[in-house]
Amino acid sequence: MKKKTRPLFAWVVFLITAGGVFLFLKTVTVIALRNPDDRNFFYFSVAPSEQMTLCYTNSIYNAYVEEVFEVRKGNIVLKAVRTASPAVMEYYGFEGSGPVQAMNRSLGPTFWIKASMRQDQSLRIGEKTIDLRALGNRGDRVQIRVEDVSLAFILFSGIFRRQDLDASIKKP
């Protein structure tokens, strides 16, 4: 009877080892939102070439603005700026007219924004809308970063446990 259990045990060990190797080698692209002042951080899985939109009200002209970004391998690219205000377009240095200015500006893997003191400010990733003020206090710095992380990191860090942020995530 003991002779039959050894091959079974060997198969179980082999399958567990293969699963562990897969967890450490398979990577997933995520958007990391971090507040270094409050030590809050949240991760959201994204597909390559997926778009995310930063939505806010310009504090000088009190006009709604959307900045559209595309996630690429290790890079965030600003693709367009949308607003109905010509004054905001001029403020940002756009010479063309119209509510949308197309761009292709590479920002690298990381960019920083400051959480708004007064206006609503959110980040849309796919169908999720994240209120950036939920990451900390008004005026705090927020880092938005694209990263490739292993499935093991996701499992061991509780990457998808966003219970603190659930109230601030809206799905249409």
N, C-alpha and C. Protein backbone atom coordinates (compact mmCIF):
# COMPACT_ATOMS: atom_id res chain seq x y z
N MET A 1 0.82 -1.20 0.00
CA MET A 1 0.00 0.00 0.00
C MET A 1 0.86 1.26 0.00
N LYS A 2 1.99 1.23 0.66
CA LYS A 2 2.86 2.40 0.71
C LYS A 2 3.46 2.70 -0.65
N LYS A 3 3.65 1.68 -1.48
CA LYS A 3 4.25 1.90 -2.79
C LYS A 3 3.33 2.73 -3.69
N LYS A 4 2.04 2.60 -3.54
CA LYS A 4 1.10 3.36 -4.36
C LYS A 4 0.99 4.82 -3.93
N THR A 5 1.20 5.10 -2.66
CA THR A 5 1.07 6.48 -2.19
C THR A 5 2.26 7.34 -2.58
N ARG A 6 3.41 6.76 -2.78
CA ARG A 6 4.59 7.55 -3.16
C ARG A 6 4.42 8.22 -4.52
N PRO A 7 3.97 7.49 -5.57
CA PRO A 7 3.77 8.19 -6.85
C PRO A 7 2.70 9.28 -6.74
N LEU A 8 1.66 9.03 -5.98
CA LEU A 8 0.62 10.04 -5.79
C LEU A 8 1.20 11.27 -5.09
N PHE A 9 1.99 11.04 -4.07
CA PHE A 9 2.64 12.14 -3.34
C PHE A 9 3.58 12.91 -4.27
N ALA A 10 4.33 12.21 -5.11
CA ALA A 10 5.24 12.87 -6.05
C ALA A 10 4.46 13.74 -7.03
N TRP A 11 3.31 13.25 -7.52
CA TRP A 11 2.49 14.04 -8.43
C TRP A 11 1.94 15.29 -7.75
N VAL A 12 1.51 15.14 -6.51
CA VAL A 12 0.99 16.29 -5.77
C VAL A 12 2.09 17.34 -5.58
N VAL A 13 3.29 16.91 -5.20
CA VAL A 13 4.41 17.83 -5.03
C VAL A 13 4.75 18.50 -6.37
N PHE A 14 4.75 17.73 -7.45
CA PHE A 14 5.04 18.28 -8.77
C PHE A 14 4.01 19.35 -9.16
N LEU A 15 2.73 19.07 -8.96
CA LEU A 15 1.68 20.02 -9.32
C LEU A 15 1.75 21.29 -8.47
N ILE A 16 2.03 21.16 -7.19
CA ILE A 16 2.18 22.33 -6.33
C ILE A 16 3.37 23.17 -6.76
N THR A 17 4.48 22.52 -7.09
CA THR A 17 5.68 23.23 -7.55
C THR A 17 5.42 23.94 -8.88
N ALA A 18 4.77 23.25 -9.81
CA ALA A 18 4.46 23.86 -11.11
C ALA A 18 3.53 25.06 -10.93
N GLY A 19 2.55 24.94 -10.05
CA GLY A 19 1.66 26.06 -9.77
C GLY A 19 2.40 27.24 -9.17
N GLY A 20 3.34 26.96 -8.26
CA GLY A 20 4.14 28.03 -7.66
C GLY A 20 5.00 28.74 -8.68
N VAL A 21 5.62 27.97 -9.57
CA VAL A 21 6.44 28.58 -10.63
C VAL A 21 5.57 29.46 -11.52
N PHE A 22 4.39 28.97 -11.88
CA PHE A 22 3.47 29.76 -12.70
C PHE A 22 3.10 31.06 -12.01
N LEU A 23 2.82 31.00 -10.71
CA LEU A 23 2.43 32.21 -9.97
C LEU A 23 3.54 33.26 -9.96
N PHE A 24 4.79 32.81 -9.92
CA PHE A 24 5.89 33.78 -9.88
C PHE A 24 6.32 34.25 -11.26
N LEU A 25 6.06 33.47 -12.30
CA LEU A 25 6.49 33.86 -13.64
C LEU A 25 5.43 34.63 -14.42
N LYS A 26 4.17 34.36 -14.19
CA LYS A 26 3.09 35.04 -14.91
C LYS A 26 2.91 36.45 -14.35
N THR A 27 2.94 37.45 -15.23
CA THR A 27 2.79 38.83 -14.77
C THR A 27 1.48 39.43 -15.28
N VAL A 28 1.01 40.41 -14.53
CA VAL A 28 -0.22 41.13 -14.84
C VAL A 28 0.11 42.62 -14.81
N THR A 29 -0.41 43.38 -15.77
CA THR A 29 -0.22 44.83 -15.77
C THR A 29 -1.27 45.47 -14.87
N VAL A 30 -0.80 46.35 -13.98
CA VAL A 30 -1.71 47.02 -13.04
C VAL A 30 -1.43 48.52 -13.04
N ILE A 31 -2.44 49.28 -12.67
CA ILE A 31 -2.27 50.70 -12.35
C ILE A 31 -2.20 50.78 -10.84
N ALA A 32 -1.12 51.36 -10.34
CA ALA A 32 -0.95 51.52 -8.89
C ALA A 32 -1.25 52.97 -8.54
N LEU A 33 -2.14 53.16 -7.58
CA LEU A 33 -2.44 54.48 -7.04
C LEU A 33 -1.88 54.52 -5.64
N ARG A 34 -0.96 55.46 -5.40
CA ARG A 34 -0.30 55.53 -4.09
C ARG A 34 -0.33 56.94 -3.55
N ASN A 35 -0.53 57.02 -2.24
CA ASN A 35 -0.42 58.28 -1.52
C ASN A 35 0.73 58.10 -0.53
N PRO A 36 1.92 58.65 -0.83
CA PRO A 36 3.06 58.44 0.07
C PRO A 36 2.90 59.14 1.42
N ASP A 37 2.06 60.17 1.48
CA ASP A 37 1.85 60.88 2.75
C ASP A 37 0.99 60.07 3.71
N ASP A 38 0.06 59.30 3.17
CA ASP A 38 -0.88 58.55 3.99
C ASP A 38 -0.62 57.04 3.94
N ARG A 39 0.32 56.64 3.10
CA ARG A 39 0.69 55.24 2.88
C ARG A 39 -0.45 54.38 2.36
N ASN A 40 -1.42 54.99 1.73
CA ASN A 40 -2.49 54.24 1.07
C ASN A 40 -2.01 53.84 -0.32
N PHE A 41 -2.37 52.63 -0.74
CA PHE A 41 -2.06 52.21 -2.10
C PHE A 41 -3.12 51.22 -2.56
N PHE A 42 -3.43 51.29 -3.84
CA PHE A 42 -4.43 50.42 -4.43
C PHE A 42 -3.96 50.06 -5.83
N TYR A 43 -4.29 48.84 -6.25
CA TYR A 43 -3.91 48.35 -7.56
C TYR A 43 -5.16 47.96 -8.34
N PHE A 44 -5.13 48.23 -9.64
CA PHE A 44 -6.23 47.88 -10.52
C PHE A 44 -5.64 47.24 -11.77
N SER A 45 -6.08 46.04 -12.09
CA SER A 45 -5.55 45.36 -13.27
C SER A 45 -6.07 46.05 -14.53
N VAL A 46 -5.20 46.15 -15.51
CA VAL A 46 -5.55 46.77 -16.79
C VAL A 46 -5.00 45.91 -17.92
N ALA A 47 -5.62 46.02 -19.06
CA ALA A 47 -5.14 45.35 -20.25
C ALA A 47 -4.17 46.29 -20.97
N PRO A 48 -3.20 45.74 -21.71
CA PRO A 48 -2.34 46.61 -22.50
C PRO A 48 -3.20 47.43 -23.48
N SER A 49 -2.85 48.66 -23.66
CA SER A 49 -3.56 49.63 -24.51
C SER A 49 -4.90 50.06 -23.93
N GLU A 50 -5.19 49.71 -22.68
CA GLU A 50 -6.44 50.17 -22.06
C GLU A 50 -6.31 51.66 -21.74
N GLN A 51 -7.42 52.35 -21.84
CA GLN A 51 -7.41 53.78 -21.56
C GLN A 51 -7.93 54.05 -20.16
N MET A 52 -7.40 55.12 -19.57
CA MET A 52 -7.91 55.62 -18.29
C MET A 52 -8.08 57.12 -18.46
N THR A 53 -9.02 57.68 -17.72
CA THR A 53 -9.35 59.09 -17.87
C THR A 53 -9.31 59.78 -16.53
N LEU A 54 -8.52 60.84 -16.43
CA LEU A 54 -8.46 61.68 -15.24
C LEU A 54 -9.47 62.81 -15.45
N CYS A 55 -10.45 62.92 -14.54
CA CYS A 55 -11.52 63.91 -14.66
C CYS A 55 -11.43 64.88 -13.50
N TYR A 56 -11.49 66.17 -13.80
CA TYR A 56 -11.41 67.18 -12.75
C TYR A 56 -11.98 68.50 -13.25
N THR A 57 -12.14 69.44 -12.35
CA THR A 57 -12.56 70.79 -12.70
C THR A 57 -11.35 71.71 -12.55
N ASN A 58 -11.01 72.41 -13.62
CA ASN A 58 -9.89 73.34 -13.58
C ASN A 58 -10.19 74.43 -12.56
N SER A 59 -9.27 74.62 -11.61
CA SER A 59 -9.53 75.54 -10.50
C SER A 59 -9.50 77.01 -10.91
N ILE A 60 -8.82 77.34 -11.98
CA ILE A 60 -8.74 78.74 -12.41
C ILE A 60 -9.99 79.15 -13.18
N TYR A 61 -10.39 78.32 -14.14
CA TYR A 61 -11.51 78.68 -15.02
C TYR A 61 -12.81 77.97 -14.64
N ASN A 62 -12.77 77.14 -13.62
CA ASN A 62 -13.94 76.40 -13.15
C ASN A 62 -14.62 75.64 -14.29
N ALA A 63 -13.79 74.99 -15.13
CA ALA A 63 -14.29 74.25 -16.29
C ALA A 63 -13.91 72.78 -16.15
N TYR A 64 -14.80 71.91 -16.59
CA TYR A 64 -14.59 70.47 -16.52
C TYR A 64 -13.54 70.05 -17.55
N VAL A 65 -12.59 69.20 -17.14
CA VAL A 65 -11.50 68.75 -18.01
C VAL A 65 -11.37 67.23 -17.88
N GLU A 66 -11.10 66.57 -18.99
CA GLU A 66 -10.77 65.15 -19.01
C GLU A 66 -9.44 64.98 -19.71
N GLU A 67 -8.53 64.26 -19.08
CA GLU A 67 -7.26 63.89 -19.70
C GLU A 67 -7.30 62.39 -19.94
N VAL A 68 -7.15 61.98 -21.19
CA VAL A 68 -7.24 60.57 -21.56
C VAL A 68 -5.83 60.01 -21.72
N PHE A 69 -5.56 58.92 -21.00
CA PHE A 69 -4.26 58.27 -21.02
C PHE A 69 -4.42 56.85 -21.57
N GLU A 70 -3.35 56.35 -22.16
CA GLU A 70 -3.32 54.96 -22.60
C GLU A 70 -2.19 54.25 -21.89
N VAL A 71 -2.48 53.06 -21.39
CA VAL A 71 -1.47 52.27 -20.69
C VAL A 71 -0.76 51.41 -21.71
N ARG A 72 0.55 51.54 -21.75
CA ARG A 72 1.38 50.69 -22.61
C ARG A 72 2.37 49.95 -21.73
N LYS A 73 3.12 49.06 -22.28
CA LYS A 73 4.08 48.26 -21.52
C LYS A 73 5.06 49.19 -20.80
N GLY A 74 4.90 49.35 -19.49
CA GLY A 74 5.80 50.17 -18.70
C GLY A 74 5.74 51.66 -18.99
N ASN A 75 4.63 52.12 -19.57
CA ASN A 75 4.57 53.51 -19.99
C ASN A 75 3.12 54.01 -19.95
N ILE A 76 2.96 55.27 -19.57
CA ILE A 76 1.65 55.93 -19.63
C ILE A 76 1.76 57.04 -20.66
N VAL A 77 0.82 57.06 -21.60
CA VAL A 77 0.85 58.03 -22.69
C VAL A 77 -0.41 58.90 -22.61
N LEU A 78 -0.21 60.22 -22.59
CA LEU A 78 -1.34 61.16 -22.64
C LEU A 78 -1.81 61.23 -24.09
N LYS A 79 -3.05 60.79 -24.32
CA LYS A 79 -3.58 60.71 -25.68
C LYS A 79 -4.43 61.91 -26.08
N ALA A 80 -5.16 62.50 -25.13
CA ALA A 80 -6.05 63.62 -25.49
C ALA A 80 -6.44 64.40 -24.25
N VAL A 81 -6.79 65.66 -24.48
CA VAL A 81 -7.36 66.52 -23.44
C VAL A 81 -8.69 67.02 -23.98
N ARG A 82 -9.74 66.86 -23.15
CA ARG A 82 -11.09 67.29 -23.55
C ARG A 82 -11.61 68.34 -22.58
N THR A 83 -12.13 69.41 -23.13
CA THR A 83 -12.82 70.44 -22.34
C THR A 83 -13.61 71.33 -23.29
N ALA A 84 -14.67 71.89 -22.80
CA ALA A 84 -15.48 72.80 -23.61
C ALA A 84 -14.98 74.24 -23.49
N SER A 85 -14.00 74.48 -22.63
CA SER A 85 -13.53 75.84 -22.36
C SER A 85 -12.31 76.20 -23.22
N PRO A 86 -12.44 77.19 -24.11
CA PRO A 86 -11.28 77.66 -24.88
C PRO A 86 -10.20 78.25 -23.97
N ALA A 87 -10.61 78.83 -22.85
CA ALA A 87 -9.63 79.42 -21.92
C ALA A 87 -8.74 78.34 -21.32
N VAL A 88 -9.31 77.19 -20.99
CA VAL A 88 -8.52 76.09 -20.45
C VAL A 88 -7.56 75.56 -21.51
N MET A 89 -8.04 75.44 -22.75
CA MET A 89 -7.17 74.98 -23.84
C MET A 89 -6.00 75.93 -24.03
N GLU A 90 -6.27 77.22 -23.97
CA GLU A 90 -5.19 78.20 -24.10
C GLU A 90 -4.24 78.11 -22.90
N TYR A 91 -4.78 77.93 -21.71
CA TYR A 91 -3.97 77.81 -20.49
C TYR A 91 -2.98 76.64 -20.61
N TYR A 92 -3.44 75.53 -21.20
CA TYR A 92 -2.58 74.36 -21.36
C TYR A 92 -1.68 74.47 -22.59
N GLY A 93 -1.80 75.55 -23.35
CA GLY A 93 -0.90 75.78 -24.47
C GLY A 93 -1.36 75.21 -25.79
N PHE A 94 -2.63 74.84 -25.91
CA PHE A 94 -3.14 74.32 -27.18
C PHE A 94 -3.54 75.48 -28.07
N GLU A 95 -3.11 75.42 -29.32
CA GLU A 95 -3.42 76.49 -30.26
C GLU A 95 -4.65 76.19 -31.11
N GLY A 96 -4.96 74.91 -31.29
CA GLY A 96 -6.11 74.54 -32.10
C GLY A 96 -7.41 74.80 -31.37
N SER A 97 -8.48 74.84 -32.16
CA SER A 97 -9.79 75.04 -31.55
C SER A 97 -10.50 73.70 -31.46
N GLY A 98 -11.56 73.67 -30.70
CA GLY A 98 -12.33 72.44 -30.55
C GLY A 98 -12.22 71.89 -29.15
N PRO A 99 -13.18 71.05 -28.78
CA PRO A 99 -13.22 70.54 -27.41
C PRO A 99 -12.22 69.41 -27.12
N VAL A 100 -11.61 68.83 -28.16
CA VAL A 100 -10.67 67.73 -27.96
C VAL A 100 -9.35 68.05 -28.65
N GLN A 101 -8.27 67.92 -27.91
CA GLN A 101 -6.94 68.09 -28.49
C GLN A 101 -6.21 66.76 -28.40
N ALA A 102 -5.93 66.17 -29.56
CA ALA A 102 -5.23 64.89 -29.60
C ALA A 102 -3.76 65.09 -29.31
N MET A 103 -3.18 64.14 -28.62
CA MET A 103 -1.76 64.21 -28.27
C MET A 103 -1.19 62.81 -28.33
N ASN A 104 0.09 62.72 -28.13
CA ASN A 104 0.76 61.43 -27.99
C ASN A 104 2.01 61.65 -27.14
N ARG A 105 1.81 62.15 -25.93
CA ARG A 105 2.92 62.53 -25.05
C ARG A 105 3.21 61.42 -24.04
N SER A 106 4.40 60.85 -24.14
CA SER A 106 4.80 59.79 -23.21
C SER A 106 5.19 60.40 -21.87
N LEU A 107 4.61 59.86 -20.79
CA LEU A 107 4.89 60.37 -19.45
C LEU A 107 5.82 59.44 -18.67
N GLY A 108 6.20 58.31 -19.25
CA GLY A 108 6.99 57.33 -18.53
C GLY A 108 6.08 56.44 -17.69
N PRO A 109 6.64 55.67 -16.78
CA PRO A 109 5.80 54.75 -16.00
C PRO A 109 5.02 55.43 -14.88
N THR A 110 5.38 56.67 -14.53
CA THR A 110 4.79 57.31 -13.35
C THR A 110 4.48 58.77 -13.61
N PHE A 111 3.38 59.24 -13.04
CA PHE A 111 3.17 60.68 -12.94
C PHE A 111 2.46 60.97 -11.63
N TRP A 112 2.60 62.20 -11.17
CA TRP A 112 2.05 62.63 -9.88
C TRP A 112 0.97 63.68 -10.11
N ILE A 113 -0.04 63.65 -9.27
CA ILE A 113 -1.04 64.71 -9.26
C ILE A 113 -1.28 65.09 -7.80
N LYS A 114 -1.89 66.22 -7.60
CA LYS A 114 -2.24 66.66 -6.26
C LYS A 114 -3.75 66.51 -6.10
N ALA A 115 -4.17 65.87 -5.01
CA ALA A 115 -5.60 65.71 -4.75
C ALA A 115 -6.23 67.09 -4.61
N SER A 116 -7.34 67.27 -5.25
CA SER A 116 -8.00 68.58 -5.29
C SER A 116 -8.41 69.06 -3.90
N MET A 117 -8.29 70.35 -3.70
CA MET A 117 -8.68 70.95 -2.43
C MET A 117 -10.19 71.16 -2.36
N ARG A 118 -10.82 71.45 -3.51
CA ARG A 118 -12.25 71.78 -3.50
C ARG A 118 -13.09 70.93 -4.44
N GLN A 119 -12.64 70.76 -5.67
CA GLN A 119 -13.46 70.12 -6.69
C GLN A 119 -13.34 68.59 -6.64
N ASP A 120 -14.34 67.95 -7.27
CA ASP A 120 -14.28 66.51 -7.45
C ASP A 120 -13.15 66.18 -8.41
N GLN A 121 -12.54 65.04 -8.17
CA GLN A 121 -11.43 64.60 -8.99
C GLN A 121 -11.47 63.08 -9.02
N SER A 122 -11.51 62.49 -10.20
CA SER A 122 -11.63 61.04 -10.27
C SER A 122 -10.79 60.48 -11.40
N LEU A 123 -10.57 59.17 -11.32
CA LEU A 123 -9.85 58.44 -12.35
C LEU A 123 -10.75 57.31 -12.80
N ARG A 124 -11.05 57.26 -14.10
CA ARG A 124 -11.85 56.18 -14.67
C ARG A 124 -10.92 55.18 -15.33
N ILE A 125 -11.03 53.93 -14.89
CA ILE A 125 -10.28 52.84 -15.49
C ILE A 125 -11.31 51.80 -15.92
N GLY A 126 -11.52 51.69 -17.22
CA GLY A 126 -12.58 50.79 -17.69
C GLY A 126 -13.92 51.27 -17.19
N GLU A 127 -14.66 50.41 -16.50
CA GLU A 127 -15.97 50.77 -15.97
C GLU A 127 -15.90 51.29 -14.54
N LYS A 128 -14.72 51.30 -13.96
CA LYS A 128 -14.56 51.75 -12.57
C LYS A 128 -14.22 53.24 -12.53
N THR A 129 -14.81 53.95 -11.59
CA THR A 129 -14.49 55.35 -11.35
C THR A 129 -14.01 55.47 -9.92
N ILE A 130 -12.78 55.96 -9.73
CA ILE A 130 -12.16 56.06 -8.41
C ILE A 130 -12.08 57.52 -8.00
N ASP A 131 -12.66 57.84 -6.85
CA ASP A 131 -12.57 59.19 -6.29
C ASP A 131 -11.18 59.33 -5.67
N LEU A 132 -10.35 60.21 -6.22
CA LEU A 132 -8.96 60.31 -5.76
C LEU A 132 -8.84 60.88 -4.35
N ARG A 133 -9.85 61.58 -3.89
CA ARG A 133 -9.80 62.09 -2.51
C ARG A 133 -9.90 60.96 -1.49
N ALA A 134 -10.36 59.78 -1.93
CA ALA A 134 -10.45 58.63 -1.02
C ALA A 134 -9.07 58.08 -0.67
N LEU A 135 -8.06 58.50 -1.40
CA LEU A 135 -6.70 58.02 -1.12
C LEU A 135 -6.02 58.77 0.01
N GLY A 136 -6.64 59.80 0.51
CA GLY A 136 -6.02 60.57 1.59
C GLY A 136 -6.72 61.90 1.77
N ASN A 137 -5.97 62.85 2.24
CA ASN A 137 -6.52 64.18 2.50
C ASN A 137 -6.43 65.06 1.27
N ARG A 138 -7.23 66.11 1.27
CA ARG A 138 -7.17 67.08 0.17
C ARG A 138 -5.78 67.71 0.15
N GLY A 139 -5.24 67.85 -1.03
CA GLY A 139 -3.92 68.44 -1.18
C GLY A 139 -2.78 67.43 -1.13
N ASP A 140 -3.07 66.17 -0.79
CA ASP A 140 -2.02 65.14 -0.77
C ASP A 140 -1.57 64.83 -2.19
N ARG A 141 -0.33 64.40 -2.30
CA ARG A 141 0.19 63.95 -3.59
C ARG A 141 -0.29 62.52 -3.85
N VAL A 142 -0.63 62.24 -5.09
CA VAL A 142 -1.04 60.90 -5.49
C VAL A 142 -0.18 60.48 -6.67
N GLN A 143 0.42 59.30 -6.55
CA GLN A 143 1.23 58.76 -7.64
C GLN A 143 0.38 57.78 -8.44
N ILE A 144 0.41 57.94 -9.75
CA ILE A 144 -0.26 57.00 -10.66
C ILE A 144 0.85 56.33 -11.46
N ARG A 145 0.91 55.00 -11.36
CA ARG A 145 2.04 54.28 -11.93
C ARG A 145 1.55 53.00 -12.62
N VAL A 146 2.14 52.67 -13.75
CA VAL A 146 1.87 51.40 -14.41
C VAL A 146 2.99 50.43 -14.00
N GLU A 147 2.60 49.22 -13.60
CA GLU A 147 3.57 48.22 -13.15
C GLU A 147 3.17 46.85 -13.69
N ASP A 148 4.16 46.00 -13.86
CA ASP A 148 3.91 44.59 -14.13
C ASP A 148 4.25 43.83 -12.87
N VAL A 149 3.28 43.13 -12.30
CA VAL A 149 3.49 42.38 -11.06
C VAL A 149 3.14 40.92 -11.29
N SER A 150 3.73 40.05 -10.49
CA SER A 150 3.46 38.62 -10.62
C SER A 150 2.13 38.26 -9.97
N LEU A 151 1.57 37.15 -10.41
CA LEU A 151 0.34 36.67 -9.79
C LEU A 151 0.56 36.35 -8.32
N ALA A 152 1.78 35.92 -7.98
CA ALA A 152 2.09 35.64 -6.57
C ALA A 152 2.00 36.92 -5.74
N PHE A 153 2.47 38.04 -6.28
CA PHE A 153 2.36 39.32 -5.58
C PHE A 153 0.90 39.66 -5.33
N ILE A 154 0.08 39.43 -6.33
CA ILE A 154 -1.35 39.69 -6.19
C ILE A 154 -1.94 38.85 -5.07
N LEU A 155 -1.60 37.58 -5.07
CA LEU A 155 -2.14 36.67 -4.06
C LEU A 155 -1.67 37.02 -2.65
N PHE A 156 -0.37 37.26 -2.50
CA PHE A 156 0.19 37.45 -1.16
C PHE A 156 -0.03 38.84 -0.59
N SER A 157 -0.25 39.83 -1.43
CA SER A 157 -0.42 41.18 -0.91
C SER A 157 -1.88 41.58 -0.76
N GLY A 158 -2.78 40.73 -1.16
CA GLY A 158 -4.19 41.09 -1.09
C GLY A 158 -4.50 42.24 -2.02
N ILE A 159 -3.92 42.20 -3.21
CA ILE A 159 -3.97 43.32 -4.13
C ILE A 159 -5.39 43.72 -4.52
N PHE A 160 -6.31 42.78 -4.54
CA PHE A 160 -7.66 43.11 -4.96
C PHE A 160 -8.62 43.26 -3.78
N ARG A 161 -8.11 43.56 -2.62
CA ARG A 161 -8.92 43.67 -1.41
C ARG A 161 -9.42 45.09 -1.19
N ARG A 162 -9.74 45.85 -2.10
CA ARG A 162 -10.00 47.27 -2.03
C ARG A 162 -11.17 47.65 -1.14
N GLN A 163 -11.36 47.02 0.02
CA GLN A 163 -12.53 47.33 0.84
C GLN A 163 -12.54 48.78 1.28
N ASP A 164 -11.40 49.40 1.55
CA ASP A 164 -11.37 50.80 1.96
C ASP A 164 -11.82 51.72 0.83
N LEU A 165 -11.62 51.30 -0.39
CA LEU A 165 -11.91 52.14 -1.54
C LEU A 165 -13.25 51.80 -2.19
N ASP A 166 -13.87 50.69 -1.76
CA ASP A 166 -15.11 50.24 -2.40
C ASP A 166 -16.19 51.31 -2.44
N ALA A 167 -16.32 52.08 -1.38
CA ALA A 167 -17.34 53.12 -1.35
C ALA A 167 -17.04 54.22 -2.36
N SER A 168 -15.77 54.35 -2.74
CA SER A 168 -15.36 55.41 -3.66
C SER A 168 -15.26 54.93 -5.10
N ILE A 169 -15.54 53.65 -5.34
CA ILE A 169 -15.51 53.11 -6.69
C ILE A 169 -16.95 52.98 -7.17
N LYS A 170 -17.22 53.57 -8.31
CA LYS A 170 -18.57 53.52 -8.86
C LYS A 170 -18.54 52.78 -10.18
N LYS A 171 -19.55 51.97 -10.42
CA LYS A 171 -19.72 51.33 -11.72
C LYS A 171 -21.01 51.85 -12.32
N PRO A 172 -20.97 52.28 -13.58
CA PRO A 172 -22.18 52.84 -14.19
C PRO A 172 -23.28 51.80 -14.36
